[in-house]
């Protein structure tokens, strides 16, 4: 790309997908306000973090069964 040229949206999207980030991340757009986690949220995440990988997989599978995949492209860990 020559100096002064701007990448196309398709190119930015491809780069973001390859890096696992959004186009907004690439462009340096500020992240919206972050909501503070409640005590209940913190307790949940601590419990989840302490699970074995098998327990986490079963939990994720149960959530998918109850709520669907919600368009997530995240890989199962």
PDB file of N, CA and C in Angstrom:
ATOM      1  N   UNK A   1       0.852  -1.170   0.000  1.00  0.00           N
ATOM      2  CA  UNK A   1       0.000   0.000   0.000  1.00  0.00           C
ATOM      3  C   UNK A   1       0.900   1.235   0.000  1.00  0.00           C
ATOM      4  N   UNK A   2       0.558   2.192  -0.812  1.00  0.00           N
ATOM      5  CA  UNK A   2       1.348   3.421  -0.908  1.00  0.00           C
ATOM      6  C   UNK A   2       1.019   4.374   0.230  1.00  0.00           C
ATOM      7  N   UNK A   3       1.965   5.234   0.519  1.00  0.00           N
ATOM      8  CA  UNK A   3       1.750   6.237   1.559  1.00  0.00           C
ATOM      9  C   UNK A   3       0.550   7.102   1.195  1.00  0.00           C
ATOM     10  N   UNK A   4      -0.305   7.351   2.170  1.00  0.00           N
ATOM     11  CA  UNK A   4      -1.493   8.168   1.950  1.00  0.00           C
ATOM     12  C   UNK A   4      -2.715   7.365   1.550  1.00  0.00           C
ATOM     13  N   UNK A   5      -2.533   6.099   1.177  1.00  0.00           N
ATOM     14  CA  UNK A   5      -3.676   5.267   0.825  1.00  0.00           C
ATOM     15  C   UNK A   5      -4.338   4.742   2.090  1.00  0.00           C
ATOM     16  N   UNK A   6      -5.617   4.491   1.979  1.00  0.00           N
ATOM     17  CA  UNK A   6      -6.369   3.933   3.101  1.00  0.00           C
ATOM     18  C   UNK A   6      -6.792   2.516   2.756  1.00  0.00           C
ATOM     19  N   UNK A   7      -6.708   1.602   3.732  1.00  0.00           N
ATOM     20  CA  UNK A   7      -7.138   0.228   3.455  1.00  0.00           C
ATOM     21  C   UNK A   7      -8.654   0.166   3.302  1.00  0.00           C
ATOM     22  N   UNK A   8      -9.110  -0.787   2.512  1.00  0.00           N
ATOM     23  CA  UNK A   8     -10.548  -0.970   2.332  1.00  0.00           C
ATOM     24  C   UNK A   8     -11.142  -1.614   3.576  1.00  0.00           C
ATOM     25  N   UNK A   9     -12.449  -1.514   3.695  1.00  0.00           N
ATOM     26  CA  UNK A   9     -13.145  -2.153   4.818  1.00  0.00           C
ATOM     27  C   UNK A   9     -12.917  -3.661   4.788  1.00  0.00           C
ATOM     28  N   UNK A  10     -12.896  -4.235   3.584  1.00  0.00           N
ATOM     29  CA  UNK A  10     -12.670  -5.673   3.459  1.00  0.00           C
ATOM     30  C   UNK A  10     -11.285  -6.057   3.974  1.00  0.00           C
ATOM     31  N   UNK A  11     -10.282  -5.237   3.647  1.00  0.00           N
ATOM     32  CA  UNK A  11      -8.926  -5.529   4.105  1.00  0.00           C
ATOM     33  C   UNK A  11      -8.839  -5.398   5.630  1.00  0.00           C
ATOM     34  N   UNK A  12      -9.431  -4.340   6.178  1.00  0.00           N
ATOM     35  CA  UNK A  12      -9.427  -4.167   7.634  1.00  0.00           C
ATOM     36  C   UNK A  12     -10.135  -5.329   8.325  1.00  0.00           C
ATOM     37  N   UNK A  13     -11.245  -5.758   7.752  1.00  0.00           N
ATOM     38  CA  UNK A  13     -11.995  -6.875   8.323  1.00  0.00           C
ATOM     39  C   UNK A  13     -11.152  -8.147   8.303  1.00  0.00           C
ATOM     40  N   UNK A  14     -10.450  -8.396   7.195  1.00  0.00           N
ATOM     41  CA  UNK A  14      -9.602  -9.585   7.088  1.00  0.00           C
ATOM     42  C   UNK A  14      -8.454  -9.537   8.097  1.00  0.00           C
ATOM     43  N   UNK A  15      -7.832  -8.378   8.245  1.00  0.00           N
ATOM     44  CA  UNK A  15      -6.737  -8.228   9.209  1.00  0.00           C
ATOM     45  C   UNK A  15      -7.258  -8.448  10.628  1.00  0.00           C
ATOM     46  N   UNK A  16      -8.403  -7.830  10.940  1.00  0.00           N
ATOM     47  CA  UNK A  16      -8.989  -8.003  12.265  1.00  0.00           C
ATOM     48  C   UNK A  16      -9.327  -9.451  12.558  1.00  0.00           C
ATOM     49  N   UNK A  17      -9.894 -10.134  11.562  1.00  0.00           N
ATOM     50  CA  UNK A  17     -10.252 -11.541  11.750  1.00  0.00           C
ATOM     51  C   UNK A  17      -9.004 -12.377  11.999  1.00  0.00           C
ATOM     52  N   UNK A  18      -7.941 -12.100  11.253  1.00  0.00           N
ATOM     53  CA  UNK A  18      -6.693 -12.839  11.415  1.00  0.00           C
ATOM     54  C   UNK A  18      -6.092 -12.617  12.807  1.00  0.00           C
ATOM     55  N   UNK A  19      -6.208 -11.393  13.311  1.00  0.00           N
ATOM     56  CA  UNK A  19      -5.639 -11.054  14.616  1.00  0.00           C
ATOM     57  C   UNK A  19      -6.589 -11.316  15.779  1.00  0.00           C
ATOM     58  N   UNK A  20      -7.851 -11.618  15.456  1.00  0.00           N
ATOM     59  CA  UNK A  20      -8.828 -11.870  16.511  1.00  0.00           C
ATOM     60  C   UNK A  20      -9.314 -10.604  17.195  1.00  0.00           C
ATOM     61  N   UNK A  21      -9.341  -9.485  16.446  1.00  0.00           N
ATOM     62  CA  UNK A  21      -9.818  -8.217  16.992  1.00  0.00           C
ATOM     63  C   UNK A  21     -10.848  -7.627  16.042  1.00  0.00           C
ATOM     64  N   UNK A  22     -11.548  -6.592  16.487  1.00  0.00           N
ATOM     65  CA  UNK A  22     -12.538  -5.936  15.643  1.00  0.00           C
ATOM     66  C   UNK A  22     -11.892  -4.819  14.837  1.00  0.00           C
ATOM     67  N   UNK A  23     -12.599  -4.367  13.815  1.00  0.00           N
ATOM     68  CA  UNK A  23     -12.123  -3.226  13.031  1.00  0.00           C
ATOM     69  C   UNK A  23     -12.007  -2.003  13.934  1.00  0.00           C
ATOM     70  N   UNK A  24     -12.927  -1.848  14.876  1.00  0.00           N
ATOM     71  CA  UNK A  24     -12.860  -0.733  15.817  1.00  0.00           C
ATOM     72  C   UNK A  24     -11.571  -0.789  16.628  1.00  0.00           C
ATOM     73  N   UNK A  25     -11.154  -1.992  17.012  1.00  0.00           N
ATOM     74  CA  UNK A  25      -9.884  -2.143  17.731  1.00  0.00           C
ATOM     75  C   UNK A  25      -8.721  -1.686  16.851  1.00  0.00           C
ATOM     76  N   UNK A  26      -8.734  -2.092  15.587  1.00  0.00           N
ATOM     77  CA  UNK A  26      -7.663  -1.709  14.665  1.00  0.00           C
ATOM     78  C   UNK A  26      -7.590  -0.200  14.478  1.00  0.00           C
ATOM     79  N   UNK A  27      -8.758   0.442  14.453  1.00  0.00           N
ATOM     80  CA  UNK A  27      -8.814   1.886  14.223  1.00  0.00           C
ATOM     81  C   UNK A  27      -8.597   2.686  15.499  1.00  0.00           C
ATOM     82  N   UNK A  28      -8.499   1.989  16.626  1.00  0.00           N
ATOM     83  CA  UNK A  28      -8.233   2.671  17.888  1.00  0.00           C
ATOM     84  C   UNK A  28      -9.422   3.419  18.448  1.00  0.00           C
ATOM     85  N   UNK A  29     -10.636   2.986  18.092  1.00  0.00           N
ATOM     86  CA  UNK A  29     -11.824   3.653  18.623  1.00  0.00           C
ATOM     87  C   UNK A  29     -11.953   3.333  20.107  1.00  0.00           C
ATOM     88  N   UNK A  30     -12.337   4.317  20.904  1.00  0.00           N
ATOM     89  CA  UNK A  30     -12.437   4.084  22.352  1.00  0.00           C
ATOM     90  C   UNK A  30     -13.520   3.067  22.678  1.00  0.00           C
ATOM     91  N   UNK A  31     -13.254   2.288  23.703  1.00  0.00           N
ATOM     92  CA  UNK A  31     -14.216   1.304  24.185  1.00  0.00           C
ATOM     93  C   UNK A  31     -15.244   2.036  25.032  1.00  0.00           C
ATOM     94  N   UNK A  32     -16.505   1.651  24.885  1.00  0.00           N
ATOM     95  CA  UNK A  32     -17.569   2.276  25.664  1.00  0.00           C
ATOM     96  C   UNK A  32     -17.368   2.051  27.149  1.00  0.00           C
ATOM     97  N   UNK A  33     -18.206   2.645  27.925  1.00  0.00           N
ATOM     98  CA  UNK A  33     -18.061   2.545  29.377  1.00  0.00           C
ATOM     99  C   UNK A  33     -18.147   1.089  29.827  1.00  0.00           C
ATOM    100  N   UNK A  34     -17.325   0.740  30.775  1.00  0.00           N
ATOM    101  CA  UNK A  34     -17.279  -0.616  31.308  1.00  0.00           C
ATOM    102  C   UNK A  34     -18.105  -0.645  32.583  1.00  0.00           C
ATOM    103  N   UNK A  35     -18.991  -1.609  32.666  1.00  0.00           N
ATOM    104  CA  UNK A  35     -19.842  -1.760  33.840  1.00  0.00           C
ATOM    105  C   UNK A  35     -19.057  -2.523  34.904  1.00  0.00           C
ATOM    106  N   UNK A  36     -19.090  -2.027  36.119  1.00  0.00           N
ATOM    107  CA  UNK A  36     -18.421  -2.707  37.225  1.00  0.00           C
ATOM    108  C   UNK A  36     -19.126  -4.029  37.514  1.00  0.00           C
ATOM    109  N   UNK A  37     -18.342  -5.059  37.771  1.00  0.00           N
ATOM    110  CA  UNK A  37     -18.901  -6.369  38.095  1.00  0.00           C
ATOM    111  C   UNK A  37     -19.480  -6.347  39.508  1.00  0.00           C
ATOM    112  N   UNK A  38     -20.636  -6.970  39.655  1.00  0.00           N
ATOM    113  CA  UNK A  38     -21.249  -7.077  40.983  1.00  0.00           C
ATOM    114  C   UNK A  38     -20.547  -8.184  41.769  1.00  0.00           C
ATOM    115  N   UNK A  39     -20.808  -8.250  43.043  1.00  0.00           N
ATOM    116  CA  UNK A  39     -20.257  -9.317  43.871  1.00  0.00           C
ATOM    117  C   UNK A  39     -20.671 -10.689  43.373  1.00  0.00           C
ATOM    118  N   UNK A  40     -21.910 -10.794  42.889  1.00  0.00           N
ATOM    119  CA  UNK A  40     -22.408 -12.056  42.348  1.00  0.00           C
ATOM    120  C   UNK A  40     -21.629 -12.445  41.101  1.00  0.00           C
ATOM    121  N   UNK A  41     -21.360 -11.450  40.226  1.00  0.00           N
ATOM    122  CA  UNK A  41     -20.578 -11.709  39.013  1.00  0.00           C
ATOM    123  C   UNK A  41     -19.172 -12.187  39.362  1.00  0.00           C
ATOM    124  N   UNK A  42     -18.539 -11.517  40.302  1.00  0.00           N
ATOM    125  CA  UNK A  42     -17.176 -11.878  40.711  1.00  0.00           C
ATOM    126  C   UNK A  42     -17.152 -13.300  41.258  1.00  0.00           C
ATOM    127  N   UNK A  43     -18.131 -13.643  42.087  1.00  0.00           N
ATOM    128  CA  UNK A  43     -18.200 -14.987  42.659  1.00  0.00           C
ATOM    129  C   UNK A  43     -18.373 -16.032  41.558  1.00  0.00           C
ATOM    130  N   UNK A  44     -19.243 -15.723  40.580  1.00  0.00           N
ATOM    131  CA  UNK A  44     -19.456 -16.655  39.471  1.00  0.00           C
ATOM    132  C   UNK A  44     -18.163 -16.888  38.697  1.00  0.00           C
ATOM    133  N   UNK A  45     -17.465 -15.809  38.341  1.00  0.00           N
ATOM    134  CA  UNK A  45     -16.253 -15.956  37.540  1.00  0.00           C
ATOM    135  C   UNK A  45     -15.143 -16.666  38.304  1.00  0.00           C
ATOM    136  N   UNK A  46     -15.081 -16.444  39.608  1.00  0.00           N
ATOM    137  CA  UNK A  46     -14.089 -17.176  40.414  1.00  0.00           C
ATOM    138  C   UNK A  46     -14.400 -18.666  40.420  1.00  0.00           C
ATOM    139  N   UNK A  47     -15.680 -18.991  40.570  1.00  0.00           N
ATOM    140  CA  UNK A  47     -16.075 -20.401  40.560  1.00  0.00           C
ATOM    141  C   UNK A  47     -15.763 -21.024  39.204  1.00  0.00           C
ATOM    142  N   UNK A  48     -16.101 -20.318  38.119  1.00  0.00           N
ATOM    143  CA  UNK A  48     -15.844 -20.821  36.767  1.00  0.00           C
ATOM    144  C   UNK A  48     -14.345 -21.010  36.538  1.00  0.00           C
ATOM    145  N   UNK A  49     -13.548 -20.047  36.974  1.00  0.00           N
ATOM    146  CA  UNK A  49     -12.097 -20.125  36.788  1.00  0.00           C
ATOM    147  C   UNK A  49     -11.505 -21.320  37.525  1.00  0.00           C
ATOM    148  N   UNK A  50     -12.140 -21.746  38.604  1.00  0.00           N
ATOM    149  CA  UNK A  50     -11.648 -22.875  39.376  1.00  0.00           C
ATOM    150  C   UNK A  50     -12.073 -24.234  38.853  1.00  0.00           C
ATOM    151  N   UNK A  51     -12.903 -24.244  37.806  1.00  0.00           N
ATOM    152  CA  UNK A  51     -13.376 -25.514  37.254  1.00  0.00           C
ATOM    153  C   UNK A  51     -12.293 -26.166  36.398  1.00  0.00           C
ATOM    154  N   UNK A  52     -12.385 -27.494  36.275  1.00  0.00           N
ATOM    155  CA  UNK A  52     -11.504 -28.209  35.349  1.00  0.00           C
ATOM    156  C   UNK A  52     -11.959 -27.891  33.924  1.00  0.00           C
ATOM    157  N   UNK A  53     -11.117 -28.188  32.950  1.00  0.00           N
ATOM    158  CA  UNK A  53     -11.492 -27.932  31.551  1.00  0.00           C
ATOM    159  C   UNK A  53     -12.736 -28.736  31.166  1.00  0.00           C
ATOM    160  N   UNK A  54     -12.854 -29.954  31.669  1.00  0.00           N
ATOM    161  CA  UNK A  54     -14.030 -30.777  31.386  1.00  0.00           C
ATOM    162  C   UNK A  54     -15.288 -30.142  31.984  1.00  0.00           C
ATOM    163  N   UNK A  55     -15.200 -29.638  33.209  1.00  0.00           N
ATOM    164  CA  UNK A  55     -16.348 -28.968  33.834  1.00  0.00           C
ATOM    165  C   UNK A  55     -16.735 -27.714  33.057  1.00  0.00           C
ATOM    166  N   UNK A  56     -15.743 -26.942  32.615  1.00  0.00           N
ATOM    167  CA  UNK A  56     -16.021 -25.739  31.822  1.00  0.00           C
ATOM    168  C   UNK A  56     -16.727 -26.107  30.519  1.00  0.00           C
ATOM    169  N   UNK A  57     -16.263 -27.166  29.861  1.00  0.00           N
ATOM    170  CA  UNK A  57     -16.887 -27.590  28.606  1.00  0.00           C
ATOM    171  C   UNK A  57     -18.336 -28.001  28.842  1.00  0.00           C
ATOM    172  N   UNK A  58     -18.591 -28.780  29.906  1.00  0.00           N
ATOM    173  CA  UNK A  58     -19.966 -29.180  30.217  1.00  0.00           C
ATOM    174  C   UNK A  58     -20.836 -27.964  30.502  1.00  0.00           C
ATOM    175  N   UNK A  59     -20.285 -26.988  31.214  1.00  0.00           N
ATOM    176  CA  UNK A  59     -21.024 -25.766  31.530  1.00  0.00           C
ATOM    177  C   UNK A  59     -21.368 -25.011  30.245  1.00  0.00           C
ATOM    178  N   UNK A  60     -20.368 -24.824  29.367  1.00  0.00           N
ATOM    179  CA  UNK A  60     -20.620 -24.118  28.100  1.00  0.00           C
ATOM    180  C   UNK A  60     -21.648 -24.856  27.255  1.00  0.00           C
ATOM    181  N   UNK A  61     -21.548 -26.190  27.206  1.00  0.00           N
ATOM    182  CA  UNK A  61     -22.518 -26.980  26.448  1.00  0.00           C
ATOM    183  C   UNK A  61     -23.929 -26.802  27.005  1.00  0.00           C
ATOM    184  N   UNK A  62     -24.059 -26.772  28.332  1.00  0.00           N
ATOM    185  CA  UNK A  62     -25.373 -26.572  28.957  1.00  0.00           C
ATOM    186  C   UNK A  62     -25.927 -25.188  28.613  1.00  0.00           C
ATOM    187  N   UNK A  63     -25.075 -24.169  28.627  1.00  0.00           N
ATOM    188  CA  UNK A  63     -25.515 -22.809  28.291  1.00  0.00           C
ATOM    189  C   UNK A  63     -25.969 -22.732  26.832  1.00  0.00           C
ATOM    190  N   UNK A  64     -25.234 -23.404  25.933  1.00  0.00           N
ATOM    191  CA  UNK A  64     -25.632 -23.432  24.520  1.00  0.00           C
ATOM    192  C   UNK A  64     -26.982 -24.116  24.366  1.00  0.00           C
ATOM    193  N   UNK A  65     -27.193 -25.190  25.110  1.00  0.00           N
ATOM    194  CA  UNK A  65     -28.459 -25.912  25.043  1.00  0.00           C
ATOM    195  C   UNK A  65     -29.606 -25.030  25.522  1.00  0.00           C
ATOM    196  N   UNK A  66     -29.386 -24.297  26.606  1.00  0.00           N
ATOM    197  CA  UNK A  66     -30.444 -23.450  27.167  1.00  0.00           C
ATOM    198  C   UNK A  66     -30.663 -22.171  26.366  1.00  0.00           C
ATOM    199  N   UNK A  67     -29.586 -21.526  25.926  1.00  0.00           N
ATOM    200  CA  UNK A  67     -29.700 -20.190  25.343  1.00  0.00           C
ATOM    201  C   UNK A  67     -29.295 -20.098  23.883  1.00  0.00           C
ATOM    202  N   UNK A  68     -28.808 -21.158  23.297  1.00  0.00           N
ATOM    203  CA  UNK A  68     -28.324 -21.111  21.928  1.00  0.00           C
ATOM    204  C   UNK A  68     -26.912 -20.567  21.889  1.00  0.00           C
ATOM    205  N   UNK A  69     -26.387 -20.432  20.681  1.00  0.00           N
ATOM    206  CA  UNK A  69     -24.991 -20.024  20.528  1.00  0.00           C
ATOM    207  C   UNK A  69     -24.821 -18.521  20.475  1.00  0.00           C
ATOM    208  N   UNK A  70     -25.886 -17.750  20.318  1.00  0.00           N
ATOM    209  CA  UNK A  70     -25.858 -16.280  20.308  1.00  0.00           C
ATOM    210  C   UNK A  70     -24.855 -15.735  19.291  1.00  0.00           C
ATOM    211  N   UNK A  71     -24.611 -16.465  18.187  1.00  0.00           N
ATOM    212  CA  UNK A  71     -23.730 -15.968  17.137  1.00  0.00           C
ATOM    213  C   UNK A  71     -22.267 -15.977  17.494  1.00  0.00           C
ATOM    214  N   UNK A  72     -21.882 -16.677  18.534  1.00  0.00           N
ATOM    215  CA  UNK A  72     -20.478 -16.708  18.959  1.00  0.00           C
ATOM    216  C   UNK A  72     -19.656 -17.545  18.009  1.00  0.00           C
ATOM    217  N   UNK A  73     -18.487 -16.998  17.614  1.00  0.00           N
ATOM    218  CA  UNK A  73     -17.553 -17.734  16.782  1.00  0.00           C
ATOM    219  C   UNK A  73     -16.392 -18.250  17.599  1.00  0.00           C
ATOM    220  N   UNK A  74     -16.473 -18.107  18.916  1.00  0.00           N
ATOM    221  CA  UNK A  74     -15.361 -18.509  19.781  1.00  0.00           C
ATOM    222  C   UNK A  74     -15.193 -20.020  19.729  1.00  0.00           C
ATOM    223  N   UNK A  75     -13.938 -20.439  19.732  1.00  0.00           N
ATOM    224  CA  UNK A  75     -13.644 -21.859  19.730  1.00  0.00           C
ATOM    225  C   UNK A  75     -13.879 -22.432  21.110  1.00  0.00           C
ATOM    226  N   UNK A  76     -14.260 -23.707  21.148  1.00  0.00           N
ATOM    227  CA  UNK A  76     -14.381 -24.391  22.432  1.00  0.00           C
ATOM    228  C   UNK A  76     -12.992 -24.697  22.935  1.00  0.00           C
ATOM    229  N   UNK A  77     -12.720 -24.307  24.165  1.00  0.00           N
ATOM    230  CA  UNK A  77     -11.394 -24.558  24.746  1.00  0.00           C
ATOM    231  C   UNK A  77     -11.391 -25.862  25.486  1.00  0.00           C
TER     232      UNK A  77
END
